Amino acid sequence: MAQKFRAAATDGDDIVQIRATELAGAVLDGGIGNDILQLVGEGSFYFTPAAGEATEAEAAASFGNFETILGSDGLDRIFLSSTQLDGLRLIDGGADATNYLFLTGSTIDISSVAIANIDEILLYSDNAVIVADDLEVARLITAHTTKNDTLRLAGTTLSDADLGMLHRQGFDRIEYGNGQVSTDRAPTIVGIAAELREIRSGQIVALDPRGAIDIVGDFGWVREIQIESASPTTSGTFELAQTARVTVSGTLSPLFVDGVSIGFVRPTGAGLAITLDATATPDIVKAILQAITYKPTGSTSVSGIEYVTLTAIDNGGRAASGSIGFYRLADSSGGSTDDVLIGGSGRDTLQGGDGNDRLYGKGGKDVLVGGTGKDIFVFGTKPNKKTNVDTISDFALKQDCIWLDNKVFTKLGKGTESKPGKLSKSYFALDKAKDKNDIIIYNKKKGILAYDSDGSGSKAAVEFTQVKKGLALSYKDFFIV
């Protein structure tokens, strides 16, 4: 049997050195005097087993009567229980690397312990109270993975900014000053429509087509959005559509909003999870919600109600959920259907399905998703760069097409919906108008389409939609109605 490490302490001031590999079953007793436990060789030092980790066999059998723990020259992860803090006066991680302190227990008092060269203190027990007397030390403590935790800073005055910062570090409850208490509550989800929306198998629908849903955190940020089918019998897939603001290359991928990395997307067993960082403002969360799509799969011979569950989790692990209801129509043929989707004056998200769909954005800055099939995107409202530029997220060359209403696009010629007219090659130009006939202008680099009513004349071109950057559009993709 391997020899267990025992500290050879004396009644004087001792320095005892130990490696992480020597901690399993070690008996560490500093005895009388001012004693230092020196960590050697970096690593994870388990003075107590860590909750959720298989460390029972790696932890020390006992630890006590040391006044100082001094870290190694490398990266140290130090695990201590609340009782092991008794008698400690200094925990110094060492100045040469990043160091972490993990604390477990029900009441963890670090008010008598000086902390140096520790980059983060991680609370590792649910339902814990951690007691501190120094705001600067409290700034190091995070409680993102624990529940029902309390930070006690009695006698310390905290500003609203201080409270917000500490709650964003994961604390549910903060006791401070002269008996004051601040509580961070779970996020709230508002704006989910009570009425059911009709869907068919294979039809892609936006969960929040009109931007009505809001998720609001209390002090913290919304760390994760989860979306999943509410019942195992409900079959469907969830995705993030590309919009004018939201960009993602697929599941298990980085997520960008307004060109800035904001988190990542990953699939779950029944849906999708979107993890966000601390810069995710309510406006950013709203943009992401509008990009989430649901596509019911399979066919059904019986119409019925099905629900999708939307869950918001804040940085402290507090969660709120809401249900979005759909009435799934029976598909007697078991195949795809052709849809005509018409937006309103607001910011709509129109989702086609597996059929040959026709999408009318109308007013507002809309997101148009054709899905599979031969889809038609119809523009029949006056272009306005500020208020009426739509986004076509999935235009498929040689399959989809764009219809331009000649009541609005008056310089393009004749045509009707029953007999669309082809766009003249001379009316189509890249980048900018070069003569008076260049009326439909396509900036391929930016994916922007604009209408220039007088070609190279004095009037400016007005943007009316955006497609994927670099898409090889030509005059053959446009028709006049």
Foldseek 3Di string as FASTA:
>chain_A
DDDQAEFPADQEEEEAEDEQQRAFQYHAANHHYAYEYEYEDADERACDDAPPDPCNRSHYPHHADHQEYAAYLEEHEYEDEQVRCVNHAEYARHQNYAYEYEYEDAEHECQRHHYYRYQAYEYREANHEYEHQDLVVLLRYAQQPYYNYEYEHEQDDDDPVSVLSSVQSQHQWYAYYHGDIDGWAAKDKDQFDPDAAEDEAQWKDANCFFLRIFIGGGSFDFFKKWKFWPDPVFAKAKDFFDFPFWDFDTAPTFIGGNRHTFFHKHADPGYIMTGGDRVCDRVNVSVRSRRMMMHGHWAAQDKDKTWMKIKTATSNRHIDIDIHMHTYDHDVVRDADEEEEEADQGAGEHTGGQEAYEYEDEHFAYEYEHYHFQYEYEYDYAFAQVGAEYEDRDDDPPRYAYEYECVRLVQQDDADPVGWAQGDQQCDEEPAFPAQSPAWYADQQFQWTWGDNRGPDDDDTGTHYGYDRNDPDGSRRYTYD
